[in-house]
C-alpha cells in the first residue's frame, strides 16, 4: 500500500497537477503521513486556475487518475439477478421477518439512510455508519474495515450477524424452501445444484444484483469528453481537489474504494473508540485505518465517515482537509469542492431497482 501511495503522489507531483501545494508521503514504519512542502509563490486559487479563463478545462494528466463507471446494462435480467433483487427486498431472510437489505440500504435513497447508525433486529443499533451499496463492485474490499474481500462475502455477513439480520443458515433454508416460488427461482438461478437454497447462494444472488447498481453521473460524461457536463464552479472544484492532494486516496472510477488509509494523519481523529482495520488484522500499524470510501453520490449520503460524525458535506470536506492534510479550507474553497462533489451524483436506475412483487408467504 505504501509503495502505491508514494507512486501516486509522485505521479501527481511530476505531472504538475499540484501547483502551489506540493505533497510528499513520508513512511514511518507502516504509517503514512502527508507532508506539505513550501508552496510556490502563488495562492491556492491561482494554482487551480481560478480567474484564468484560458485554462477552463481539467488537465488530461489529472483526468487519467479517474475513469467512467460502467453504464447500466440494457440486457434482460438473468435468473440470478432476478432472484438477487427479490432477496434484496425480502424481509423473510431476517430472523424477525421484518428487516431486508433495503431497510438499511434503501435503493430509492442512494443506498443509505439519514441515520448515523442502522437499526437491526429487535431495535439493536449498529456501531458504524452503513455505506451505500451503489457503485461498489470495483472496490478493493467491503465494509469500513475491509473484512469482506468481495460482494458475496459482504452480502453474507449481515444475514447471520446477531445485531443486523440475525438469521441462522438452517432457518433461512427452511423459510425460503417452504415458498414454492423461491424453490423455482433458486433452481433456475443454480440449475446444476441439487440443494440450491443455501446461505452461500442467497449471498451470491444478492451480490450479483448489487453488481448492477451503478449510477453514471455528470462527471462520467465529462470524462467521456462532454466538456459542458460540468459547470465552471465544478471544474474549479475538481482542480482544487487535485491541487490539495485529495485524489491521492480518492481516485479511480469510484473516486475512492481502492485502498486503506489512517484517519487523523495530521490531526488525531476525534473519535478514538473505533480502531478500524486493527480489529481485523490485530496489527498495531492498522490502528485507525479504514477503507477510503467512494465519493460517488456523496452529496446524497449524509451523515459521513465510519462514525457518522459529519452531518453535512461541507463539514465532511473541512474535516478531511484538517485531519488528513493539515489544511484549513476557506469558505470559498470548501464550496468549490462541494460543488464538484455534486457532479458525482448519478441517476438511480429506476427500472433495475424497482421493488419487485414478492412471493406470497406468511409474513409477520
Protein backbone atom coordinates (compact mmCIF):
# COMPACT_ATOMS: atom_id res chain seq x y z
CA UNK A 1 0.00 0.00 0.00
CA UNK A 2 2.81 2.41 0.86
CA UNK A 3 4.51 1.84 -2.47
CA UNK A 4 1.27 2.54 -4.28
CA UNK A 5 0.69 5.74 -2.31
CA UNK A 6 4.19 7.03 -2.93
CA UNK A 7 3.87 6.21 -6.62
CA UNK A 8 0.55 8.03 -6.88
CA UNK A 9 1.88 11.08 -5.08
CA UNK A 10 5.00 11.18 -7.24
CA UNK A 11 2.90 10.87 -10.39
CA UNK A 12 0.77 13.81 -9.30
CA UNK A 13 3.75 15.97 -8.43
CA UNK A 14 5.66 15.13 -11.63
CA UNK A 15 2.58 15.80 -13.74
CA UNK A 16 2.39 19.35 -12.45
CA UNK A 17 -1.15 18.89 -11.16
CA UNK A 18 -0.17 20.29 -7.79
CA UNK A 19 0.99 23.82 -8.39
CA UNK A 20 1.18 25.94 -5.26
CA UNK A 21 0.78 22.99 -2.89
CA UNK A 22 3.38 20.26 -3.09
CA UNK A 23 2.73 16.97 -1.33
CA UNK A 24 5.00 14.11 -0.34
CA UNK A 25 4.32 10.92 1.57
CA UNK A 26 6.54 10.06 4.49
CA UNK A 27 6.54 6.46 5.70
CA UNK A 28 7.20 5.84 9.39
CA UNK A 29 7.08 2.10 9.81
CA UNK A 30 3.72 1.33 8.28
CA UNK A 31 2.22 4.75 8.93
CA UNK A 32 1.75 7.17 6.08
CA UNK A 33 1.91 10.92 6.57
CA UNK A 34 1.26 13.60 4.00
CA UNK A 35 3.67 16.48 4.40
CA UNK A 36 3.23 19.87 2.79
CA UNK A 37 6.38 21.31 1.31
CA UNK A 38 6.93 25.05 0.98
CA UNK A 39 4.47 26.39 -1.54
CA UNK A 40 5.43 28.16 -4.70
CA UNK A 41 4.71 31.90 -4.74
CA UNK A 42 1.09 31.59 -5.79
CA UNK A 43 -2.22 31.24 -4.00
CA UNK A 44 -4.24 28.05 -4.00
CA UNK A 45 -6.84 29.86 -6.10
CA UNK A 46 -4.27 30.77 -8.73
CA UNK A 47 -2.88 27.26 -8.71
CA UNK A 48 -6.30 25.87 -9.52
CA UNK A 49 -6.84 28.27 -12.37
CA UNK A 50 -9.47 30.46 -10.70
CA UNK A 51 -9.75 33.62 -12.71
CA UNK A 52 -7.70 32.20 -15.60
CA UNK A 53 -10.23 31.82 -18.39
CA UNK A 54 -7.62 30.30 -20.71
CA UNK A 55 -7.37 27.19 -18.52
CA UNK A 56 -11.01 26.29 -18.02
CA UNK A 57 -10.81 22.56 -18.62
CA UNK A 58 -9.11 20.00 -16.41
CA UNK A 59 -5.68 18.73 -17.35
CA UNK A 60 -5.62 15.40 -19.22
CA UNK A 61 -2.98 14.30 -16.70
CA UNK A 62 -5.49 14.83 -13.92
CA UNK A 63 -8.26 13.05 -15.78
CA UNK A 64 -6.08 9.97 -16.24
CA UNK A 65 -6.37 9.46 -12.50
CA UNK A 66 -10.06 8.67 -12.94
CA UNK A 67 -12.31 6.62 -15.23
CA UNK A 68 -16.02 6.48 -16.05
CA UNK A 69 -18.01 3.80 -14.28
CA UNK A 70 -19.79 1.15 -16.38
CA UNK A 71 -23.09 2.13 -17.95
CA UNK A 72 -26.16 0.19 -16.78
CA UNK A 73 -26.84 -2.86 -18.91
CA UNK A 74 -29.85 -2.91 -21.23
CA UNK A 75 -29.84 -6.69 -21.37
CA UNK A 76 -32.70 -8.67 -19.78
CA UNK A 77 -32.01 -9.69 -16.21
CA UNK A 78 -30.53 -13.12 -15.70
CA UNK A 79 -32.25 -15.62 -13.41
CA UNK A 80 -29.55 -14.89 -10.81
CA UNK A 81 -30.17 -11.12 -10.91
CA UNK A 82 -33.93 -11.60 -10.72
CA UNK A 83 -33.52 -13.79 -7.65
CA UNK A 84 -31.00 -11.42 -6.10
CA UNK A 85 -33.34 -8.44 -6.47
CA UNK A 86 -36.16 -10.30 -4.75
CA UNK A 87 -33.91 -11.42 -1.91
CA UNK A 88 -32.57 -7.87 -1.50
CA UNK A 89 -36.11 -6.68 -0.75
CA UNK A 90 -37.19 -9.82 1.13
CA UNK A 91 -37.60 -9.30 4.91
CA UNK A 92 -38.07 -13.04 5.49
CA UNK A 93 -34.31 -13.51 5.25
CA UNK A 94 -34.04 -11.84 8.69
CA UNK A 95 -34.85 -13.68 11.92
CA UNK A 96 -37.77 -11.37 12.76
CA UNK A 97 -39.04 -11.31 9.19
CA UNK A 98 -39.11 -7.52 9.27
CA UNK A 99 -35.69 -6.37 8.01
CA UNK A 100 -34.40 -6.63 4.45
CA UNK A 101 -31.22 -5.38 2.80
CA UNK A 102 -33.27 -2.45 1.56
CA UNK A 103 -34.14 -1.46 5.13
CA UNK A 104 -30.62 -0.16 5.82
CA UNK A 105 -29.67 0.45 2.18
CA UNK A 106 -32.83 1.88 0.52
CA UNK A 107 -32.20 1.93 -3.20
CA UNK A 108 -34.51 4.88 -3.84
CA UNK A 109 -32.37 6.98 -1.47
CA UNK A 110 -28.95 6.21 -2.93
CA UNK A 111 -28.49 3.15 -0.76
CA UNK A 112 -28.25 4.86 2.63
CA UNK A 113 -30.46 6.22 5.36
CA UNK A 114 -30.13 9.57 7.10
CA UNK A 115 -29.39 7.77 10.36
CA UNK A 116 -25.94 7.87 11.91
CA UNK A 117 -26.15 4.13 12.57
CA UNK A 118 -28.53 1.48 11.24
CA UNK A 119 -31.06 -0.40 13.32
CA UNK A 120 -31.03 -4.20 13.20
CA UNK A 121 -33.42 -6.83 14.57
CA UNK A 122 -35.08 -6.11 17.90
CA UNK A 123 -34.04 -2.46 17.71
CA UNK A 124 -30.32 -3.10 18.01
CA UNK A 125 -28.17 -0.17 16.87
CA UNK A 126 -25.04 -0.75 14.80
CA UNK A 127 -21.66 0.73 15.65
CA UNK A 128 -20.70 2.10 12.22
CA UNK A 129 -22.41 4.18 9.59
CA UNK A 130 -23.84 2.00 6.82
CA UNK A 131 -22.20 2.89 3.48
CA UNK A 132 -24.07 2.90 0.20
CA UNK A 133 -24.39 -0.29 -1.86
CA UNK A 134 -24.22 1.69 -5.11
CA UNK A 135 -21.03 1.62 -7.19
CA UNK A 136 -19.26 -0.97 -5.04
CA UNK A 137 -18.41 -3.77 -7.47
CA UNK A 138 -14.89 -2.47 -8.12
CA UNK A 139 -13.82 -1.79 -4.53
CA UNK A 140 -10.68 -3.32 -3.10
CA UNK A 141 -12.74 -4.72 -0.21
CA UNK A 142 -16.07 -4.15 1.51
CA UNK A 143 -17.02 -2.75 4.93
CA UNK A 144 -15.14 0.07 6.60
CA UNK A 145 -12.55 -2.35 7.96
CA UNK A 146 -12.25 -4.31 4.72
CA UNK A 147 -13.21 -7.63 6.30
CA UNK A 148 -15.11 -8.78 3.19
CA UNK A 149 -12.98 -9.48 0.12
CA UNK A 150 -15.89 -9.33 -2.32
CA UNK A 151 -19.59 -8.55 -2.65
CA UNK A 152 -20.65 -12.11 -1.88
CA UNK A 153 -18.88 -12.04 1.48
CA UNK A 154 -20.32 -8.60 2.15
CA UNK A 155 -23.86 -9.76 1.38
CA UNK A 156 -23.49 -12.82 3.62
CA UNK A 157 -22.20 -11.06 6.74
CA UNK A 158 -25.37 -9.10 7.71
CA UNK A 159 -27.55 -12.19 7.21
CA UNK A 160 -26.06 -14.00 10.18
CA UNK A 161 -24.89 -11.02 12.25
CA UNK A 162 -26.77 -11.08 15.59
CA UNK A 163 -27.09 -7.28 15.58
CA UNK A 164 -28.27 -7.00 11.98
CA UNK A 165 -30.47 -9.71 10.43
CA UNK A 166 -29.62 -12.47 12.88
CA UNK A 167 -30.64 -15.40 10.66
CA UNK A 168 -29.47 -18.98 11.25
CA UNK A 169 -28.50 -20.75 7.99
CA UNK A 170 -30.80 -23.69 8.67
CA UNK A 171 -33.71 -21.38 9.45
CA UNK A 172 -33.00 -19.45 6.27
CA UNK A 173 -33.08 -22.60 4.16
CA UNK A 174 -36.30 -23.75 5.85
CA UNK A 175 -38.04 -20.39 5.44
CA UNK A 176 -37.22 -19.94 1.76
CA UNK A 177 -37.66 -23.64 0.98
CA UNK A 178 -41.24 -23.50 2.21
CA UNK A 179 -42.14 -20.98 -0.52
CA UNK A 180 -42.79 -22.63 -3.94
CA UNK A 181 -41.83 -19.53 -5.94
CA UNK A 182 -38.44 -19.33 -4.25
CA UNK A 183 -37.81 -23.04 -4.82
CA UNK A 184 -38.38 -22.45 -8.53
CA UNK A 185 -36.32 -19.25 -8.65
CA UNK A 186 -33.34 -20.88 -6.91
CA UNK A 187 -33.48 -23.85 -9.25
CA UNK A 188 -33.39 -21.52 -12.27
CA UNK A 189 -30.53 -19.48 -10.84
CA UNK A 190 -28.48 -22.53 -9.75
CA UNK A 191 -29.54 -25.25 -12.23
CA UNK A 192 -26.63 -27.60 -11.50
CA UNK A 193 -27.22 -27.88 -7.76
CA UNK A 194 -29.43 -30.45 -6.09
CA UNK A 195 -29.92 -28.24 -2.99
CA UNK A 196 -29.79 -24.68 -4.38
CA UNK A 197 -31.38 -22.98 -1.37
CA UNK A 198 -28.46 -22.32 0.95
CA UNK A 199 -26.79 -19.37 2.64
CA UNK A 200 -23.95 -19.00 0.12
CA UNK A 201 -26.36 -18.94 -2.81
CA UNK A 202 -28.53 -16.33 -1.13
CA UNK A 203 -25.45 -14.10 -0.77
CA UNK A 204 -24.29 -14.92 -4.31
CA UNK A 205 -27.61 -13.85 -5.80
CA UNK A 206 -27.77 -10.60 -3.80
CA UNK A 207 -24.18 -9.79 -4.79
CA UNK A 208 -24.96 -10.37 -8.48
CA UNK A 209 -27.85 -7.94 -8.24
CA UNK A 210 -25.65 -5.38 -6.46
CA UNK A 211 -23.07 -5.52 -9.26
CA UNK A 212 -25.59 -3.74 -11.46
CA UNK A 213 -26.08 -0.84 -9.03
CA UNK A 214 -24.09 1.75 -10.96
CA UNK A 215 -25.09 5.40 -11.20
CA UNK A 216 -23.38 7.24 -14.09
CA UNK A 217 -23.12 10.94 -13.29
CA UNK A 218 -22.23 14.25 -14.99
CA UNK A 219 -18.62 13.54 -14.01
CA UNK A 220 -18.68 10.44 -16.21
CA UNK A 221 -19.99 12.43 -19.16
CA UNK A 222 -17.17 14.91 -18.64
CA UNK A 223 -14.60 12.10 -18.54
CA UNK A 224 -16.02 10.84 -21.83
CA UNK A 225 -15.47 14.23 -23.46
CA UNK A 226 -18.61 16.27 -22.78
CA UNK A 227 -16.99 19.49 -21.50
CA UNK A 228 -20.40 21.04 -20.84
CA UNK A 229 -21.36 18.31 -18.34
CA UNK A 230 -19.72 20.28 -15.51
CA UNK A 231 -20.22 23.89 -14.51
CA UNK A 232 -17.26 26.26 -14.27
CA UNK A 233 -17.51 26.09 -10.49
CA UNK A 234 -17.43 22.28 -10.53
CA UNK A 235 -14.35 22.29 -12.75
CA UNK A 236 -12.56 24.64 -10.39
CA UNK A 237 -13.58 22.42 -7.51
CA UNK A 238 -12.09 19.39 -9.25
CA UNK A 239 -8.82 21.26 -9.78
CA UNK A 240 -8.69 22.29 -6.14
CA UNK A 241 -9.49 18.72 -5.06
CA UNK A 242 -6.45 17.58 -7.04
CA UNK A 243 -4.29 20.52 -6.02
CA UNK A 244 -4.77 19.79 -2.32
CA UNK A 245 -3.78 16.16 -2.80
CA UNK A 246 -7.23 14.67 -2.09
CA UNK A 247 -7.05 12.47 -5.17
CA UNK A 248 -4.01 10.61 -3.84
CA UNK A 249 -6.58 8.49 -1.98
CA UNK A 250 -9.84 9.33 -3.76
CA UNK A 251 -9.00 8.23 -7.27
CA UNK A 252 -10.07 5.76 -9.93
CA UNK A 253 -13.51 5.07 -11.37
CA UNK A 254 -15.16 5.12 -7.95
CA UNK A 255 -13.25 8.17 -6.68
CA UNK A 256 -12.14 6.03 -3.75
CA UNK A 257 -12.71 2.46 -2.65
CA UNK A 258 -9.27 1.36 -3.86
CA UNK A 259 -7.15 1.46 -0.71
CA UNK A 260 -6.98 1.78 3.07
CA UNK A 261 -5.79 4.84 4.98
CA UNK A 262 -5.38 6.02 8.53
CA UNK A 263 -7.81 8.69 9.70
CA UNK A 264 -6.11 11.51 11.54
CA UNK A 265 -2.83 11.72 9.63
CA UNK A 266 -2.17 15.31 10.70
CA UNK A 267 -4.70 15.90 13.45
CA UNK A 268 -5.92 12.94 15.56
CA UNK A 269 -9.44 11.80 14.74
CA UNK A 270 -11.91 12.97 17.43
CA UNK A 271 -13.40 9.51 17.95
CA UNK A 272 -10.68 7.12 19.13
CA UNK A 273 -13.03 4.30 20.23
CA UNK A 274 -13.20 2.53 16.85
CA UNK A 275 -9.80 1.18 15.85
CA UNK A 276 -10.84 0.17 12.35
CA UNK A 277 -8.84 -2.42 10.49
CA UNK A 278 -6.72 -3.24 13.54
CA UNK A 279 -9.73 -5.10 14.93
CA UNK A 280 -9.46 -7.47 11.95
CA UNK A 281 -5.71 -7.83 11.44
CA UNK A 282 -4.60 -7.20 15.06
CA UNK A 283 -1.63 -5.31 13.62
CA UNK A 284 -0.67 -2.11 15.51
CA UNK A 285 0.10 -0.47 12.16
CA UNK A 286 -3.58 -0.83 11.20
CA UNK A 287 -4.81 1.21 14.16
CA UNK A 288 -7.38 3.80 12.99
CA UNK A 289 -7.06 2.54 9.42
CA UNK A 290 -10.24 2.35 7.34
CA UNK A 291 -11.14 1.77 3.73
CA UNK A 292 -11.13 5.00 1.76
CA UNK A 293 -14.80 5.44 0.81
CA UNK A 294 -16.04 6.07 -2.68
CA UNK A 295 -17.24 9.62 -3.21
CA UNK A 296 -19.88 8.55 -5.74
CA UNK A 297 -23.26 10.10 -4.78
CA UNK A 298 -21.60 11.58 -1.68
CA UNK A 299 -23.84 14.65 -1.79
CA UNK A 300 -26.81 12.35 -1.19
CA UNK A 301 -25.46 10.06 1.52
CA UNK A 302 -25.07 12.08 4.74
CA UNK A 303 -24.05 11.59 7.51
CA UNK A 304 -20.41 10.86 6.75
CA UNK A 305 -17.44 8.76 7.90
CA UNK A 306 -17.37 5.43 9.69
CA UNK A 307 -18.68 7.07 12.85
CA UNK A 308 -21.29 9.23 11.13
CA UNK A 309 -19.76 12.26 12.82
CA UNK A 310 -20.27 14.77 9.98
CA UNK A 311 -23.86 15.77 9.34
CA UNK A 312 -23.16 17.88 6.25
CA UNK A 313 -20.91 17.57 3.22
CA UNK A 314 -19.32 20.94 3.94
CA UNK A 315 -18.35 19.70 7.41
CA UNK A 316 -17.01 16.44 6.00
CA UNK A 317 -14.85 18.25 3.44
CA UNK A 318 -13.42 20.57 6.07
CA UNK A 319 -12.73 17.68 8.46
CA UNK A 320 -10.87 15.74 5.79
CA UNK A 321 -8.74 18.75 4.94
CA UNK A 322 -7.88 19.31 8.60
CA UNK A 323 -7.30 15.75 9.77
CA UNK A 324 -5.78 14.25 6.62
CA UNK A 325 -3.94 17.18 5.02
CA UNK A 326 -3.36 19.67 7.81
CA UNK A 327 -5.17 22.32 5.77
CA UNK A 328 -7.80 24.79 6.97
CA UNK A 329 -10.02 25.45 3.98
CA UNK A 330 -11.55 28.84 3.37
CA UNK A 331 -15.30 29.04 2.90
CA UNK A 332 -14.81 29.61 -0.83
CA UNK A 333 -12.53 26.59 -1.16
CA UNK A 334 -14.96 24.32 0.67
CA UNK A 335 -17.78 25.48 -1.59
CA UNK A 336 -15.75 24.72 -4.72
CA UNK A 337 -15.01 21.17 -3.60
CA UNK A 338 -18.61 20.57 -2.54
CA UNK A 339 -19.76 21.83 -5.94
CA UNK A 340 -17.52 19.33 -7.73
CA UNK A 341 -18.63 16.51 -5.45
CA UNK A 342 -22.17 17.28 -6.61
CA UNK A 343 -21.14 16.26 -10.12
CA UNK A 344 -20.63 12.72 -8.77
CA UNK A 345 -24.34 12.37 -8.07
CA UNK A 346 -25.63 9.87 -10.59
CA UNK A 347 -29.01 8.77 -11.83
CA UNK A 348 -30.64 5.92 -9.94
CA UNK A 349 -31.53 3.08 -12.38
CA UNK A 350 -35.23 3.08 -11.53
CA UNK A 351 -36.19 0.04 -13.59
CA UNK A 352 -33.37 -2.05 -12.22
CA UNK A 353 -34.01 -1.04 -8.61
CA UNK A 354 -37.81 -1.11 -8.62
CA UNK A 355 -39.25 -3.05 -5.69
CA UNK A 356 -40.36 -6.47 -7.01
CA UNK A 357 -43.55 -8.33 -6.23
CA UNK A 358 -42.51 -10.73 -3.51
CA UNK A 359 -43.84 -14.28 -3.34
CA UNK A 360 -47.00 -15.00 -1.41
CA UNK A 361 -45.96 -16.21 2.03
CA UNK A 362 -46.90 -15.93 5.68
CA UNK A 363 -45.32 -12.73 6.93
CA UNK A 364 -45.14 -11.18 10.41
